[in-house]
Amino acid sequence: MDLILETDRLFLREMKISDAEALFEMDRNPNVHQYLWNKPVNDISEVYATIESVQKQYIQNNIGRFVIILKESQELIGWAGLKFNTEMVNNKINFFDIGYRLDEKFWGKGYASEASFAWLDYGFNTIKIPLMEAAAHTDNIASNRILQKIGLEMTETYLEDGVSWNWYELENPNL
């Protein structure tokens, strides 16, 4: 993909194999995975597999998660983006999901919201997604706040493997 999104403070670009070390540092932190089944990665090979999976999504769905690069330092601070989800989640399948994950040292600075606003704009105005969906662990106050801030509305709560999640949706206002 030759797509790069830009915001005031961020570049959002395709995930590459060369990003593995920075992504590994983020994903091995237990705090980053507190609301993600508490399963931080233990080996960089897991990150390589994730990058390969995301790159396949670029080819199959012409969209996927992109890394977030801080403009001022050129540092990789996490990822954000759209995913066409082909697995069953909350009894739904084949839907567009907006998501994000940041390295802990960049939490609370508005980067996830900034990146998500850019992706929401791209999803609605460029690729004309009719409905954006997302899920956040019920106890993850920050993630729930981000989804609400970008305009998604919580439509229900559901359980997955005994864990409570909030489901969010936003219809494309331009369609």
N, C-alpha and C. Protein backbone atom coordinates (compact mmCIF):
# COMPACT_ATOMS: atom_id res chain seq x y z
N MET A 1 0.85 -1.18 0.00
CA MET A 1 0.00 0.00 0.00
C MET A 1 0.89 1.24 0.00
N ASP A 2 0.50 2.21 -0.78
CA ASP A 2 1.24 3.48 -0.83
C ASP A 2 0.52 4.56 -0.06
N LEU A 3 -0.15 4.20 0.99
CA LEU A 3 -0.95 5.14 1.75
C LEU A 3 -0.18 5.61 2.98
N ILE A 4 -0.16 6.92 3.20
CA ILE A 4 0.35 7.50 4.44
C ILE A 4 -0.66 8.56 4.85
N LEU A 5 -1.16 8.43 6.06
CA LEU A 5 -2.05 9.46 6.61
C LEU A 5 -1.21 10.36 7.50
N GLU A 6 -1.59 11.61 7.56
CA GLU A 6 -0.84 12.57 8.36
C GLU A 6 -1.81 13.40 9.20
N THR A 7 -1.45 13.61 10.45
CA THR A 7 -2.20 14.49 11.34
C THR A 7 -1.23 15.58 11.80
N ASP A 8 -1.66 16.42 12.71
CA ASP A 8 -0.79 17.49 13.20
C ASP A 8 0.50 16.95 13.79
N ARG A 9 0.41 15.84 14.54
CA ARG A 9 1.59 15.33 15.25
C ARG A 9 2.08 13.97 14.78
N LEU A 10 1.33 13.33 13.86
CA LEU A 10 1.59 11.93 13.55
C LEU A 10 1.65 11.64 12.06
N PHE A 11 2.43 10.60 11.74
CA PHE A 11 2.36 9.94 10.44
C PHE A 11 1.81 8.54 10.71
N LEU A 12 0.93 8.07 9.85
CA LEU A 12 0.38 6.71 9.95
C LEU A 12 0.76 6.02 8.65
N ARG A 13 1.58 4.98 8.77
CA ARG A 13 2.07 4.31 7.57
C ARG A 13 2.01 2.80 7.74
N GLU A 14 2.14 2.13 6.61
CA GLU A 14 2.11 0.68 6.54
C GLU A 14 3.09 0.06 7.55
N MET A 15 2.67 -1.03 8.15
CA MET A 15 3.51 -1.78 9.09
C MET A 15 4.52 -2.60 8.28
N LYS A 16 5.79 -2.52 8.69
CA LYS A 16 6.87 -3.21 7.98
C LYS A 16 7.62 -4.14 8.93
N ILE A 17 8.31 -5.11 8.35
CA ILE A 17 9.13 -6.03 9.15
C ILE A 17 10.14 -5.26 9.99
N SER A 18 10.65 -4.17 9.46
CA SER A 18 11.64 -3.37 10.20
C SER A 18 11.06 -2.71 11.45
N ASP A 19 9.75 -2.75 11.63
CA ASP A 19 9.09 -2.20 12.82
C ASP A 19 9.04 -3.20 13.97
N ALA A 20 9.48 -4.41 13.72
CA ALA A 20 9.30 -5.50 14.69
C ALA A 20 9.86 -5.19 16.07
N GLU A 21 11.06 -4.67 16.15
CA GLU A 21 11.68 -4.43 17.46
C GLU A 21 10.87 -3.45 18.30
N ALA A 22 10.44 -2.34 17.70
CA ALA A 22 9.64 -1.35 18.44
C ALA A 22 8.29 -1.93 18.84
N LEU A 23 7.67 -2.69 17.95
CA LEU A 23 6.39 -3.32 18.29
C LEU A 23 6.56 -4.37 19.37
N PHE A 24 7.67 -5.09 19.34
CA PHE A 24 7.96 -6.08 20.38
C PHE A 24 8.11 -5.41 21.74
N GLU A 25 8.82 -4.30 21.79
CA GLU A 25 8.98 -3.56 23.05
C GLU A 25 7.62 -3.16 23.62
N MET A 26 6.73 -2.71 22.76
CA MET A 26 5.40 -2.31 23.21
C MET A 26 4.60 -3.52 23.67
N ASP A 27 4.58 -4.58 22.86
CA ASP A 27 3.69 -5.71 23.11
C ASP A 27 4.18 -6.70 24.16
N ARG A 28 5.40 -6.53 24.63
CA ARG A 28 5.84 -7.41 25.71
C ARG A 28 5.55 -6.80 27.09
N ASN A 29 5.06 -5.57 27.10
CA ASN A 29 4.72 -4.88 28.33
C ASN A 29 3.37 -5.40 28.85
N PRO A 30 3.33 -6.00 30.03
CA PRO A 30 2.06 -6.52 30.58
C PRO A 30 0.99 -5.44 30.73
N ASN A 31 1.38 -4.19 30.99
CA ASN A 31 0.40 -3.12 31.14
C ASN A 31 -0.35 -2.85 29.83
N VAL A 32 0.35 -2.99 28.71
CA VAL A 32 -0.28 -2.79 27.40
C VAL A 32 -1.33 -3.87 27.16
N HIS A 33 -1.11 -5.04 27.73
CA HIS A 33 -2.02 -6.18 27.50
C HIS A 33 -2.99 -6.44 28.66
N GLN A 34 -3.07 -5.49 29.58
CA GLN A 34 -3.97 -5.68 30.73
C GLN A 34 -5.39 -5.99 30.29
N TYR A 35 -5.87 -5.30 29.25
CA TYR A 35 -7.25 -5.52 28.79
C TYR A 35 -7.29 -6.30 27.48
N LEU A 36 -6.20 -6.99 27.17
CA LEU A 36 -6.11 -7.81 25.96
C LEU A 36 -5.78 -9.24 26.35
N TRP A 37 -6.56 -9.78 27.23
CA TRP A 37 -6.43 -11.16 27.69
C TRP A 37 -5.15 -11.40 28.50
N ASN A 38 -4.47 -10.31 28.91
CA ASN A 38 -3.26 -10.42 29.73
C ASN A 38 -2.24 -11.39 29.11
N LYS A 39 -2.02 -11.24 27.81
CA LYS A 39 -1.10 -12.12 27.11
C LYS A 39 -0.04 -11.31 26.35
N PRO A 40 0.89 -10.68 27.06
CA PRO A 40 1.96 -9.98 26.35
C PRO A 40 2.80 -10.97 25.56
N VAL A 41 3.42 -10.49 24.48
CA VAL A 41 4.26 -11.37 23.66
C VAL A 41 5.55 -11.69 24.41
N ASN A 42 6.07 -12.87 24.19
CA ASN A 42 7.28 -13.32 24.86
C ASN A 42 8.46 -13.46 23.91
N ASP A 43 8.18 -13.49 22.63
CA ASP A 43 9.24 -13.72 21.65
C ASP A 43 8.96 -12.85 20.42
N ILE A 44 10.00 -12.28 19.87
CA ILE A 44 9.82 -11.38 18.72
C ILE A 44 9.22 -12.10 17.51
N SER A 45 9.32 -13.43 17.46
CA SER A 45 8.72 -14.18 16.36
C SER A 45 7.20 -13.97 16.33
N GLU A 46 6.59 -13.74 17.49
CA GLU A 46 5.15 -13.47 17.55
C GLU A 46 4.83 -12.16 16.83
N VAL A 47 5.71 -11.19 16.97
CA VAL A 47 5.53 -9.89 16.32
C VAL A 47 5.69 -10.03 14.81
N TYR A 48 6.69 -10.79 14.38
CA TYR A 48 6.86 -11.03 12.94
C TYR A 48 5.60 -11.65 12.35
N ALA A 49 5.01 -12.60 13.06
CA ALA A 49 3.78 -13.25 12.58
C ALA A 49 2.64 -12.24 12.49
N THR A 50 2.55 -11.34 13.46
CA THR A 50 1.50 -10.31 13.44
C THR A 50 1.70 -9.38 12.25
N ILE A 51 2.93 -8.95 12.03
CA ILE A 51 3.21 -8.06 10.89
C ILE A 51 2.84 -8.74 9.58
N GLU A 52 3.20 -9.99 9.43
CA GLU A 52 2.85 -10.73 8.21
C GLU A 52 1.33 -10.82 8.04
N SER A 53 0.62 -11.05 9.13
CA SER A 53 -0.84 -11.12 9.09
C SER A 53 -1.43 -9.77 8.65
N VAL A 54 -0.91 -8.69 9.21
CA VAL A 54 -1.40 -7.35 8.85
C VAL A 54 -1.09 -7.06 7.38
N GLN A 55 0.08 -7.44 6.93
CA GLN A 55 0.44 -7.22 5.52
C GLN A 55 -0.48 -8.00 4.58
N LYS A 56 -0.91 -9.17 4.98
CA LYS A 56 -1.88 -9.94 4.18
C LYS A 56 -3.22 -9.20 4.11
N GLN A 57 -3.60 -8.53 5.22
CA GLN A 57 -4.84 -7.75 5.22
C GLN A 57 -4.76 -6.60 4.23
N TYR A 58 -3.57 -5.99 4.10
CA TYR A 58 -3.41 -4.91 3.11
C TYR A 58 -3.75 -5.43 1.72
N ILE A 59 -3.29 -6.63 1.42
CA ILE A 59 -3.49 -7.21 0.09
C ILE A 59 -4.93 -7.67 -0.08
N GLN A 60 -5.45 -8.40 0.90
CA GLN A 60 -6.79 -8.99 0.79
C GLN A 60 -7.90 -7.95 0.90
N ASN A 61 -7.73 -6.96 1.78
CA ASN A 61 -8.83 -6.04 2.09
C ASN A 61 -8.52 -4.58 1.76
N ASN A 62 -7.31 -4.32 1.28
CA ASN A 62 -6.87 -2.97 0.94
C ASN A 62 -6.93 -2.02 2.15
N ILE A 63 -6.77 -2.60 3.33
CA ILE A 63 -6.77 -1.81 4.57
C ILE A 63 -6.15 -2.67 5.68
N GLY A 64 -5.80 -2.06 6.77
CA GLY A 64 -5.24 -2.78 7.91
C GLY A 64 -4.68 -1.80 8.93
N ARG A 65 -4.10 -2.33 9.97
CA ARG A 65 -3.50 -1.49 11.00
C ARG A 65 -2.19 -0.90 10.47
N PHE A 66 -1.94 0.36 10.79
CA PHE A 66 -0.73 1.06 10.39
C PHE A 66 0.03 1.48 11.65
N VAL A 67 1.35 1.59 11.53
CA VAL A 67 2.11 2.09 12.68
C VAL A 67 1.90 3.59 12.80
N ILE A 68 2.06 4.06 14.03
CA ILE A 68 1.95 5.48 14.35
C ILE A 68 3.38 5.99 14.59
N ILE A 69 3.77 6.99 13.82
CA ILE A 69 5.10 7.59 13.95
C ILE A 69 4.92 9.02 14.46
N LEU A 70 5.60 9.34 15.54
CA LEU A 70 5.57 10.69 16.09
C LEU A 70 6.42 11.58 15.20
N LYS A 71 5.83 12.63 14.65
CA LYS A 71 6.53 13.49 13.71
C LYS A 71 7.81 14.09 14.30
N GLU A 72 7.72 14.61 15.52
CA GLU A 72 8.85 15.36 16.07
C GLU A 72 10.09 14.51 16.31
N SER A 73 9.91 13.22 16.59
CA SER A 73 11.06 12.36 16.90
C SER A 73 11.25 11.22 15.91
N GLN A 74 10.28 11.01 15.02
CA GLN A 74 10.27 9.87 14.08
C GLN A 74 10.21 8.52 14.80
N GLU A 75 9.73 8.54 16.05
CA GLU A 75 9.66 7.33 16.87
C GLU A 75 8.34 6.60 16.62
N LEU A 76 8.41 5.28 16.52
CA LEU A 76 7.21 4.45 16.41
C LEU A 76 6.60 4.36 17.81
N ILE A 77 5.35 4.81 17.94
CA ILE A 77 4.74 4.86 19.27
C ILE A 77 3.57 3.89 19.43
N GLY A 78 3.23 3.17 18.36
CA GLY A 78 2.13 2.21 18.44
C GLY A 78 1.56 1.95 17.07
N TRP A 79 0.30 1.53 17.05
CA TRP A 79 -0.40 1.32 15.78
C TRP A 79 -1.86 1.73 15.92
N ALA A 80 -2.47 2.00 14.78
CA ALA A 80 -3.90 2.32 14.72
C ALA A 80 -4.37 2.01 13.31
N GLY A 81 -5.66 1.87 13.18
CA GLY A 81 -6.16 1.69 11.82
C GLY A 81 -7.46 0.93 11.75
N LEU A 82 -7.79 0.59 10.54
CA LEU A 82 -9.02 -0.13 10.25
C LEU A 82 -8.68 -1.56 9.92
N LYS A 83 -9.58 -2.44 10.26
CA LYS A 83 -9.41 -3.86 9.95
C LYS A 83 -10.75 -4.37 9.46
N PHE A 84 -10.71 -5.13 8.38
CA PHE A 84 -11.92 -5.82 7.96
C PHE A 84 -11.91 -7.15 8.68
N ASN A 85 -12.78 -7.29 9.66
CA ASN A 85 -12.77 -8.45 10.54
C ASN A 85 -13.58 -9.59 9.93
N THR A 86 -12.90 -10.69 9.68
CA THR A 86 -13.56 -11.86 9.08
C THR A 86 -13.77 -12.98 10.09
N GLU A 87 -13.53 -12.68 11.36
CA GLU A 87 -13.76 -13.66 12.43
C GLU A 87 -14.98 -13.22 13.24
N MET A 88 -15.66 -14.18 13.84
CA MET A 88 -16.85 -13.89 14.63
C MET A 88 -16.49 -13.14 15.91
N VAL A 89 -17.07 -11.97 16.09
CA VAL A 89 -16.92 -11.18 17.30
C VAL A 89 -18.31 -10.65 17.65
N ASN A 90 -18.76 -10.92 18.85
CA ASN A 90 -20.08 -10.44 19.29
C ASN A 90 -21.17 -10.84 18.29
N ASN A 91 -21.09 -12.06 17.80
CA ASN A 91 -22.05 -12.60 16.83
C ASN A 91 -22.10 -11.81 15.53
N LYS A 92 -21.00 -11.13 15.21
CA LYS A 92 -20.91 -10.36 13.97
C LYS A 92 -19.69 -10.85 13.20
N ILE A 93 -19.77 -10.77 11.89
CA ILE A 93 -18.66 -11.18 11.04
C ILE A 93 -18.65 -10.28 9.80
N ASN A 94 -17.48 -10.11 9.21
CA ASN A 94 -17.30 -9.28 8.01
C ASN A 94 -17.73 -7.83 8.26
N PHE A 95 -17.01 -7.18 9.17
CA PHE A 95 -17.29 -5.79 9.51
C PHE A 95 -15.97 -5.03 9.63
N PHE A 96 -16.06 -3.72 9.53
CA PHE A 96 -14.88 -2.86 9.70
C PHE A 96 -14.78 -2.44 11.16
N ASP A 97 -13.59 -2.63 11.69
CA ASP A 97 -13.28 -2.35 13.09
C ASP A 97 -12.20 -1.28 13.13
N ILE A 98 -12.36 -0.31 14.00
CA ILE A 98 -11.32 0.68 14.22
C ILE A 98 -10.61 0.33 15.52
N GLY A 99 -9.29 0.39 15.51
CA GLY A 99 -8.54 0.00 16.70
C GLY A 99 -7.22 0.74 16.80
N TYR A 100 -6.58 0.58 17.96
CA TYR A 100 -5.34 1.28 18.26
C TYR A 100 -4.64 0.58 19.42
N ARG A 101 -3.36 0.78 19.50
CA ARG A 101 -2.56 0.31 20.64
C ARG A 101 -1.32 1.19 20.71
N LEU A 102 -1.03 1.68 21.89
CA LEU A 102 0.13 2.55 22.06
C LEU A 102 1.10 2.00 23.09
N ASP A 103 2.37 2.31 22.88
CA ASP A 103 3.39 2.05 23.88
C ASP A 103 3.01 2.85 25.13
N GLU A 104 3.16 2.25 26.29
CA GLU A 104 2.70 2.87 27.54
C GLU A 104 3.22 4.28 27.77
N LYS A 105 4.45 4.56 27.38
CA LYS A 105 5.00 5.89 27.66
C LYS A 105 4.33 6.99 26.84
N PHE A 106 3.45 6.61 25.91
CA PHE A 106 2.75 7.60 25.10
C PHE A 106 1.26 7.67 25.42
N TRP A 107 0.84 7.00 26.47
CA TRP A 107 -0.56 7.04 26.89
C TRP A 107 -0.89 8.44 27.43
N GLY A 108 -2.16 8.81 27.30
CA GLY A 108 -2.66 10.04 27.91
C GLY A 108 -2.26 11.32 27.21
N LYS A 109 -1.76 11.23 25.99
CA LYS A 109 -1.33 12.42 25.27
C LYS A 109 -2.23 12.74 24.06
N GLY A 110 -3.29 11.95 23.88
CA GLY A 110 -4.23 12.19 22.80
C GLY A 110 -3.83 11.58 21.46
N TYR A 111 -2.76 10.81 21.42
CA TYR A 111 -2.30 10.24 20.15
C TYR A 111 -3.28 9.22 19.58
N ALA A 112 -3.84 8.37 20.43
CA ALA A 112 -4.79 7.36 19.93
C ALA A 112 -6.03 8.02 19.35
N SER A 113 -6.52 9.06 19.99
CA SER A 113 -7.69 9.78 19.46
C SER A 113 -7.34 10.47 18.15
N GLU A 114 -6.17 11.09 18.09
CA GLU A 114 -5.75 11.80 16.88
C GLU A 114 -5.65 10.84 15.70
N ALA A 115 -5.02 9.70 15.93
CA ALA A 115 -4.89 8.70 14.87
C ALA A 115 -6.26 8.14 14.49
N SER A 116 -7.12 7.90 15.47
CA SER A 116 -8.44 7.33 15.21
C SER A 116 -9.33 8.29 14.44
N PHE A 117 -9.26 9.58 14.74
CA PHE A 117 -10.02 10.56 13.96
C PHE A 117 -9.59 10.51 12.49
N ALA A 118 -8.28 10.39 12.25
CA ALA A 118 -7.78 10.32 10.87
C ALA A 118 -8.31 9.08 10.17
N TRP A 119 -8.31 7.95 10.88
CA TRP A 119 -8.80 6.70 10.27
C TRP A 119 -10.32 6.74 10.05
N LEU A 120 -11.03 7.34 10.97
CA LEU A 120 -12.48 7.45 10.80
C LEU A 120 -12.79 8.29 9.56
N ASP A 121 -12.08 9.39 9.39
CA ASP A 121 -12.25 10.24 8.22
C ASP A 121 -11.93 9.46 6.94
N TYR A 122 -10.82 8.74 6.94
CA TYR A 122 -10.43 7.96 5.78
C TYR A 122 -11.47 6.87 5.48
N GLY A 123 -11.89 6.18 6.51
CA GLY A 123 -12.86 5.10 6.34
C GLY A 123 -14.19 5.58 5.79
N PHE A 124 -14.68 6.69 6.32
CA PHE A 124 -15.98 7.19 5.89
C PHE A 124 -15.91 7.94 4.56
N ASN A 125 -14.89 8.76 4.37
CA ASN A 125 -14.86 9.65 3.22
C ASN A 125 -14.10 9.10 2.01
N THR A 126 -13.13 8.23 2.23
CA THR A 126 -12.35 7.71 1.11
C THR A 126 -12.83 6.33 0.67
N ILE A 127 -12.97 5.41 1.61
CA ILE A 127 -13.39 4.06 1.19
C ILE A 127 -14.87 3.80 1.46
N LYS A 128 -15.56 4.81 1.98
CA LYS A 128 -17.04 4.79 2.10
C LYS A 128 -17.58 3.62 2.92
N ILE A 129 -16.95 3.36 4.06
CA ILE A 129 -17.44 2.33 4.97
C ILE A 129 -18.80 2.77 5.50
N PRO A 130 -19.82 1.93 5.41
CA PRO A 130 -21.15 2.34 5.88
C PRO A 130 -21.30 2.36 7.40
N LEU A 131 -20.58 1.48 8.09
CA LEU A 131 -20.71 1.37 9.54
C LEU A 131 -19.35 1.03 10.15
N MET A 132 -18.89 1.86 11.07
CA MET A 132 -17.65 1.59 11.79
C MET A 132 -18.03 0.95 13.12
N GLU A 133 -17.28 -0.10 13.48
CA GLU A 133 -17.56 -0.81 14.72
C GLU A 133 -16.28 -0.97 15.52
N ALA A 134 -16.41 -1.21 16.81
CA ALA A 134 -15.26 -1.39 17.68
C ALA A 134 -15.71 -2.04 18.98
N ALA A 135 -14.75 -2.62 19.67
CA ALA A 135 -15.01 -3.20 20.99
C ALA A 135 -13.93 -2.73 21.95
N ALA A 136 -14.31 -2.56 23.19
CA ALA A 136 -13.35 -2.21 24.24
C ALA A 136 -13.73 -2.97 25.50
N HIS A 137 -12.73 -3.49 26.17
CA HIS A 137 -12.92 -4.16 27.46
C HIS A 137 -13.70 -3.19 28.36
N THR A 138 -14.72 -3.69 29.01
CA THR A 138 -15.58 -2.85 29.84
C THR A 138 -14.80 -2.04 30.87
N ASP A 139 -13.74 -2.61 31.43
CA ASP A 139 -12.96 -1.91 32.46
C ASP A 139 -11.89 -0.98 31.92
N ASN A 140 -11.69 -0.97 30.60
CA ASN A 140 -10.64 -0.13 30.01
C ASN A 140 -11.21 1.27 29.79
N ILE A 141 -11.13 2.08 30.83
CA ILE A 141 -11.73 3.41 30.81
C ILE A 141 -11.16 4.26 29.68
N ALA A 142 -9.85 4.23 29.49
CA ALA A 142 -9.21 5.06 28.46
C ALA A 142 -9.69 4.68 27.06
N SER A 143 -9.72 3.40 26.75
CA SER A 143 -10.14 2.97 25.42
C SER A 143 -11.61 3.30 25.17
N ASN A 144 -12.45 3.09 26.15
CA ASN A 144 -13.86 3.44 26.01
C ASN A 144 -14.02 4.94 25.78
N ARG A 145 -13.24 5.73 26.47
CA ARG A 145 -13.29 7.19 26.33
C ARG A 145 -12.87 7.60 24.91
N ILE A 146 -11.83 6.97 24.37
CA ILE A 146 -11.37 7.29 23.01
C ILE A 146 -12.47 7.01 21.99
N LEU A 147 -13.08 5.84 22.08
CA LEU A 147 -14.13 5.49 21.12
C LEU A 147 -15.30 6.47 21.20
N GLN A 148 -15.65 6.89 22.41
CA GLN A 148 -16.73 7.87 22.57
C GLN A 148 -16.31 9.23 22.03
N LYS A 149 -15.05 9.60 22.27
CA LYS A 149 -14.54 10.90 21.82
C LYS A 149 -14.58 11.03 20.30
N ILE A 150 -14.30 9.93 19.59
CA ILE A 150 -14.31 10.00 18.13
C ILE A 150 -15.71 9.82 17.55
N GLY A 151 -16.70 9.64 18.42
CA GLY A 151 -18.09 9.66 17.97
C GLY A 151 -18.82 8.34 17.94
N LEU A 152 -18.13 7.24 18.28
CA LEU A 152 -18.83 5.96 18.30
C LEU A 152 -19.74 5.90 19.53
N GLU A 153 -20.84 5.18 19.39
CA GLU A 153 -21.78 5.04 20.50
C GLU A 153 -21.83 3.59 20.95
N MET A 154 -21.80 3.41 22.26
CA MET A 154 -21.90 2.06 22.80
C MET A 154 -23.32 1.55 22.57
N THR A 155 -23.42 0.41 21.92
CA THR A 155 -24.74 -0.14 21.60
C THR A 155 -25.10 -1.33 22.46
N GLU A 156 -24.09 -2.00 23.03
CA GLU A 156 -24.37 -3.16 23.88
C GLU A 156 -23.11 -3.59 24.61
N THR A 157 -23.33 -4.43 25.59
CA THR A 157 -22.24 -5.10 26.30
C THR A 157 -22.40 -6.59 26.03
N TYR A 158 -21.27 -7.26 25.81
CA TYR A 158 -21.32 -8.69 25.54
C TYR A 158 -20.19 -9.39 26.27
N LEU A 159 -20.31 -10.70 26.40
CA LEU A 159 -19.28 -11.51 27.05
C LEU A 159 -18.54 -12.34 26.01
N GLU A 160 -17.22 -12.38 26.16
CA GLU A 160 -16.40 -13.26 25.35
C GLU A 160 -15.46 -14.00 26.30
N ASP A 161 -15.61 -15.31 26.36
CA ASP A 161 -14.83 -16.13 27.29
C ASP A 161 -14.91 -15.61 28.72
N GLY A 162 -16.11 -15.17 29.11
CA GLY A 162 -16.34 -14.70 30.47
C GLY A 162 -15.86 -13.28 30.74
N VAL A 163 -15.36 -12.58 29.72
CA VAL A 163 -14.88 -11.21 29.86
C VAL A 163 -15.90 -10.26 29.25
N SER A 164 -16.20 -9.17 29.98
CA SER A 164 -17.19 -8.20 29.54
C SER A 164 -16.57 -7.16 28.61
N TRP A 165 -17.23 -6.95 27.46
CA TRP A 165 -16.77 -5.99 26.46
C TRP A 165 -17.91 -5.04 26.10
N ASN A 166 -17.57 -3.81 25.78
CA ASN A 166 -18.54 -2.84 25.26
C ASN A 166 -18.41 -2.82 23.74
N TRP A 167 -19.56 -2.82 23.06
CA TRP A 167 -19.60 -2.78 21.61
C TRP A 167 -20.01 -1.38 21.16
N TYR A 168 -19.27 -0.86 20.19
CA TYR A 168 -19.50 0.50 19.69
C TYR A 168 -19.79 0.48 18.19
N GLU A 169 -20.61 1.46 17.76
CA GLU A 169 -20.94 1.59 16.35
C GLU A 169 -21.10 3.06 15.99
N LEU A 170 -20.82 3.37 14.71
CA LEU A 170 -21.10 4.69 14.17
C LEU A 170 -21.39 4.53 12.68
N GLU A 171 -22.58 4.99 12.27
CA GLU A 171 -22.94 4.95 10.86
C GLU A 171 -22.27 6.10 10.15
N ASN A 172 -21.91 5.85 8.89
CA ASN A 172 -21.30 6.87 8.06
C ASN A 172 -22.34 7.96 7.79
N PRO A 173 -22.10 9.18 8.27
CA PRO A 173 -23.09 10.25 8.08
C PRO A 173 -23.18 10.74 6.64
N ASN A 174 -22.22 10.32 5.81
CA ASN A 174 -22.18 10.80 4.42
C ASN A 174 -22.88 9.87 3.43
N LEU A 175 -23.40 8.75 3.93
CA LEU A 175 -24.07 7.80 3.02
C LEU A 175 -25.57 7.85 3.19
